[in-house]
Amino acid sequence: MIRRADGRAWGSIRTAFDQACTRAKLDDFRFHDLRHTYASHFMMRGGNVAELRDILGHADIKMTMRYAHLSPAHLRTTVNRMAGLTPVVRAVDKVVDKSAPKAPVLSTCSAHEVESGRP
């Protein structure tokens, strides 16, 4: 048991948690919510689901997946890692080589150029 500096016991962690929520005026927050928060942060910091399952003590990985919520900002960052990996290819209206058949020529541009509509 962890004790205070003077040697006395701290008491129940749940009691302390409940008192802290009351002081902070948090009406809809439970001790169990911290488990979900931990799981989400664990995954967003690079943990894997199998490790998290073991940490949380779940027998079924499906239960672990219910705990491992990723924030929208984290998902955006993850998707954005792919930006610039390959050039964006699109058709353009002009033909570069006059001797070539009249067909659209493919050119590369950045993802920003595609979003802005600029060639």
C-alpha atoms as a PDB file:
ATOM      1  CA  MET A   1       0.000   0.000   0.000  1.00  0.00           C
ATOM      2  CA  ILE A   2       1.219   3.489  -0.820  1.00  0.00           C
ATOM      3  CA  ARG A   3       1.289   5.747   2.210  1.00  0.00           C
ATOM      4  CA  ARG A   4       1.379   9.483   2.799  1.00  0.00           C
ATOM      5  CA  ALA A   5       4.587  11.195   3.886  1.00  0.00           C
ATOM      6  CA  ASP A   6       3.453  10.967   7.521  1.00  0.00           C
ATOM      7  CA  GLY A   7       2.861   7.190   7.218  1.00  0.00           C
ATOM      8  CA  ARG A   8      -0.949   7.257   7.137  1.00  0.00           C
ATOM      9  CA  ALA A   9      -2.790   5.306   4.435  1.00  0.00           C
ATOM     10  CA  TRP A  10      -4.226   7.257   1.526  1.00  0.00           C
ATOM     11  CA  GLY A  11      -7.604   5.488   1.611  1.00  0.00           C
ATOM     12  CA  SER A  12      -9.661   4.320  -1.343  1.00  0.00           C
ATOM     13  CA  ILE A  13      -8.613   5.506  -4.794  1.00  0.00           C
ATOM     14  CA  ARG A  14     -12.257   5.459  -5.846  1.00  0.00           C
ATOM     15  CA  THR A  15     -13.219   7.736  -2.972  1.00  0.00           C
ATOM     16  CA  ALA A  16     -10.480  10.164  -3.984  1.00  0.00           C
ATOM     17  CA  PHE A  17     -11.590   9.951  -7.612  1.00  0.00           C
ATOM     18  CA  ASP A  18     -15.236  10.604  -6.719  1.00  0.00           C
ATOM     19  CA  GLN A  19     -14.240  13.594  -4.573  1.00  0.00           C
ATOM     20  CA  ALA A  20     -12.080  14.989  -7.379  1.00  0.00           C
ATOM     21  CA  CYS A  21     -14.963  14.652  -9.865  1.00  0.00           C
ATOM     22  CA  THR A  22     -17.309  16.390  -7.435  1.00  0.00           C
ATOM     23  CA  ARG A  23     -14.872  19.272  -6.916  1.00  0.00           C
ATOM     24  CA  ALA A  24     -14.340  19.572 -10.681  1.00  0.00           C
ATOM     25  CA  LYS A  25     -18.119  19.428 -11.258  1.00  0.00           C
ATOM     26  CA  LEU A  26     -17.838  16.428 -13.585  1.00  0.00           C
ATOM     27  CA  ASP A  27     -21.260  14.825 -13.547  1.00  0.00           C
ATOM     28  CA  ASP A  28     -20.920  12.145 -16.205  1.00  0.00           C
ATOM     29  CA  PHE A  29     -17.434  10.743 -15.611  1.00  0.00           C
ATOM     30  CA  ARG A  30     -16.731   7.368 -14.023  1.00  0.00           C
ATOM     31  CA  PHE A  31     -13.578   5.697 -12.798  1.00  0.00           C
ATOM     32  CA  HIS A  32     -14.043   3.074 -15.531  1.00  0.00           C
ATOM     33  CA  ASP A  33     -13.780   5.828 -18.174  1.00  0.00           C
ATOM     34  CA  LEU A  34     -10.078   6.076 -17.331  1.00  0.00           C
ATOM     35  CA  ARG A  35      -9.645   2.534 -18.653  1.00  0.00           C
ATOM     36  CA  HIS A  36     -10.984   3.624 -22.048  1.00  0.00           C
ATOM     37  CA  THR A  37      -8.785   6.726 -21.998  1.00  0.00           C
ATOM     38  CA  TYR A  38      -5.705   4.636 -21.223  1.00  0.00           C
ATOM     39  CA  ALA A  39      -6.510   2.174 -24.006  1.00  0.00           C
ATOM     40  CA  SER A  40      -6.972   4.938 -26.574  1.00  0.00           C
ATOM     41  CA  HIS A  41      -3.752   6.715 -25.631  1.00  0.00           C
ATOM     42  CA  PHE A  42      -1.854   3.407 -25.605  1.00  0.00           C
ATOM     43  CA  MET A  43      -2.942   2.720 -29.185  1.00  0.00           C
ATOM     44  CA  MET A  44      -2.268   6.291 -30.366  1.00  0.00           C
ATOM     45  CA  ARG A  45       1.275   6.018 -28.986  1.00  0.00           C
ATOM     46  CA  GLY A  46       1.998   2.966 -31.133  1.00  0.00           C
ATOM     47  CA  GLY A  47       0.866   0.074 -28.932  1.00  0.00           C
ATOM     48  CA  ASN A  48      -0.701  -2.922 -30.584  1.00  0.00           C
ATOM     49  CA  VAL A  49      -4.054  -4.547 -29.897  1.00  0.00           C
ATOM     50  CA  ALA A  50      -2.589  -7.869 -28.713  1.00  0.00           C
ATOM     51  CA  GLU A  51      -0.481  -6.105 -26.069  1.00  0.00           C
ATOM     52  CA  LEU A  52      -3.443  -3.991 -24.997  1.00  0.00           C
ATOM     53  CA  ARG A  53      -5.613  -7.109 -24.700  1.00  0.00           C
ATOM     54  CA  ASP A  54      -3.074  -8.599 -22.303  1.00  0.00           C
ATOM     55  CA  ILE A  55      -2.720  -5.373 -20.292  1.00  0.00           C
ATOM     56  CA  LEU A  56      -6.483  -5.010 -19.891  1.00  0.00           C
ATOM     57  CA  GLY A  57      -6.911  -8.719 -19.176  1.00  0.00           C
ATOM     58  CA  HIS A  58      -9.408  -9.404 -21.948  1.00  0.00           C
ATOM     59  CA  ALA A  59      -9.911 -12.948 -23.199  1.00  0.00           C
ATOM     60  CA  ASP A  60     -11.416 -11.784 -26.492  1.00  0.00           C
ATOM     61  CA  ILE A  61      -9.759  -9.253 -28.810  1.00  0.00           C
ATOM     62  CA  LYS A  62     -13.225  -7.951 -29.786  1.00  0.00           C
ATOM     63  CA  MET A  63     -13.658  -6.547 -26.283  1.00  0.00           C
ATOM     64  CA  THR A  64     -10.267  -4.822 -26.547  1.00  0.00           C
ATOM     65  CA  MET A  65     -11.312  -3.203 -29.816  1.00  0.00           C
ATOM     66  CA  ARG A  66     -14.267  -1.604 -28.003  1.00  0.00           C
ATOM     67  CA  TYR A  67     -11.772   0.133 -25.709  1.00  0.00           C
ATOM     68  CA  ALA A  68      -9.259   1.272 -28.312  1.00  0.00           C
ATOM     69  CA  HIS A  69     -10.893   4.446 -29.686  1.00  0.00           C
ATOM     70  CA  LEU A  70      -8.696   6.638 -31.852  1.00  0.00           C
ATOM     71  CA  SER A  71      -9.261  10.372 -31.928  1.00  0.00           C
ATOM     72  CA  PRO A  72     -10.245  11.993 -35.247  1.00  0.00           C
ATOM     73  CA  ALA A  73      -7.056  14.090 -35.115  1.00  0.00           C
ATOM     74  CA  HIS A  74      -4.949  10.950 -34.719  1.00  0.00           C
ATOM     75  CA  LEU A  75      -6.720   9.273 -37.649  1.00  0.00           C
ATOM     76  CA  ARG A  76      -6.128  12.367 -39.825  1.00  0.00           C
ATOM     77  CA  THR A  77      -2.438  12.362 -38.911  1.00  0.00           C
ATOM     78  CA  THR A  78      -2.194   8.677 -39.745  1.00  0.00           C
ATOM     79  CA  VAL A  79      -3.838   9.155 -43.147  1.00  0.00           C
ATOM     80  CA  ASN A  80      -1.676  12.224 -43.862  1.00  0.00           C
ATOM     81  CA  ARG A  81       1.456  10.101 -43.479  1.00  0.00           C
ATOM     82  CA  MET A  82       0.680   8.866 -46.984  1.00  0.00           C
ATOM     83  CA  ALA A  83       0.781  12.391 -48.469  1.00  0.00           C
ATOM     84  CA  GLY A  84       3.600  12.784 -50.936  1.00  0.00           C
ATOM     85  CA  LEU A  85       4.360   9.060 -51.043  1.00  0.00           C
ATOM     86  CA  THR A  86       3.478   8.944 -54.725  1.00  0.00           C
ATOM     87  CA  PRO A  87       2.776  11.759 -57.157  1.00  0.00           C
ATOM     88  CA  VAL A  88      -0.840  12.474 -58.060  1.00  0.00           C
ATOM     89  CA  VAL A  89      -1.462  11.692 -61.736  1.00  0.00           C
ATOM     90  CA  ARG A  90      -4.198  13.390 -63.740  1.00  0.00           C
ATOM     91  CA  ALA A  91      -5.094  14.053 -67.356  1.00  0.00           C
ATOM     92  CA  VAL A  92      -4.402  17.489 -68.877  1.00  0.00           C
ATOM     93  CA  ASP A  93      -5.904  18.992 -71.996  1.00  0.00           C
ATOM     94  CA  LYS A  94      -2.787  19.906 -73.986  1.00  0.00           C
ATOM     95  CA  VAL A  95      -0.526  17.580 -75.938  1.00  0.00           C
ATOM     96  CA  VAL A  96       3.191  18.120 -75.367  1.00  0.00           C
ATOM     97  CA  ASP A  97       4.502  16.266 -78.450  1.00  0.00           C
ATOM     98  CA  LYS A  98       2.821  17.526 -81.671  1.00  0.00           C
ATOM     99  CA  SER A  99       3.668  14.266 -83.477  1.00  0.00           C
ATOM    100  CA  ALA A 100       1.943  12.205 -80.803  1.00  0.00           C
ATOM    101  CA  PRO A 101      -1.696  11.159 -81.258  1.00  0.00           C
ATOM    102  CA  LYS A 102      -4.213  13.631 -79.874  1.00  0.00           C
ATOM    103  CA  ALA A 103      -4.899  12.095 -76.463  1.00  0.00           C
ATOM    104  CA  PRO A 104      -4.698  13.511 -72.978  1.00  0.00           C
ATOM    105  CA  VAL A 105      -1.183  13.637 -71.582  1.00  0.00           C
ATOM    106  CA  LEU A 106      -0.626  12.563 -68.009  1.00  0.00           C
ATOM    107  CA  SER A 107       1.260  14.898 -65.738  1.00  0.00           C
ATOM    108  CA  THR A 108       2.157  14.834 -62.086  1.00  0.00           C
ATOM    109  CA  CYS A 109       1.233  17.420 -59.513  1.00  0.00           C
ATOM    110  CA  SER A 110       1.109  17.700 -55.761  1.00  0.00           C
ATOM    111  CA  ALA A 111      -1.949  16.838 -53.670  1.00  0.00           C
ATOM    112  CA  HIS A 112      -2.210  20.580 -52.809  1.00  0.00           C
ATOM    113  CA  GLU A 113      -2.447  21.462 -56.496  1.00  0.00           C
ATOM    114  CA  VAL A 114      -5.221  18.895 -56.987  1.00  0.00           C
ATOM    115  CA  GLU A 115      -7.178  20.279 -54.006  1.00  0.00           C
ATOM    116  CA  SER A 116      -6.785  23.866 -55.186  1.00  0.00           C
ATOM    117  CA  GLY A 117      -7.719  23.032 -58.805  1.00  0.00           C
ATOM    118  CA  ARG A 118      -4.453  24.459 -60.158  1.00  0.00           C
ATOM    119  CA  PRO A 119      -2.422  22.452 -62.720  1.00  0.00           C
END
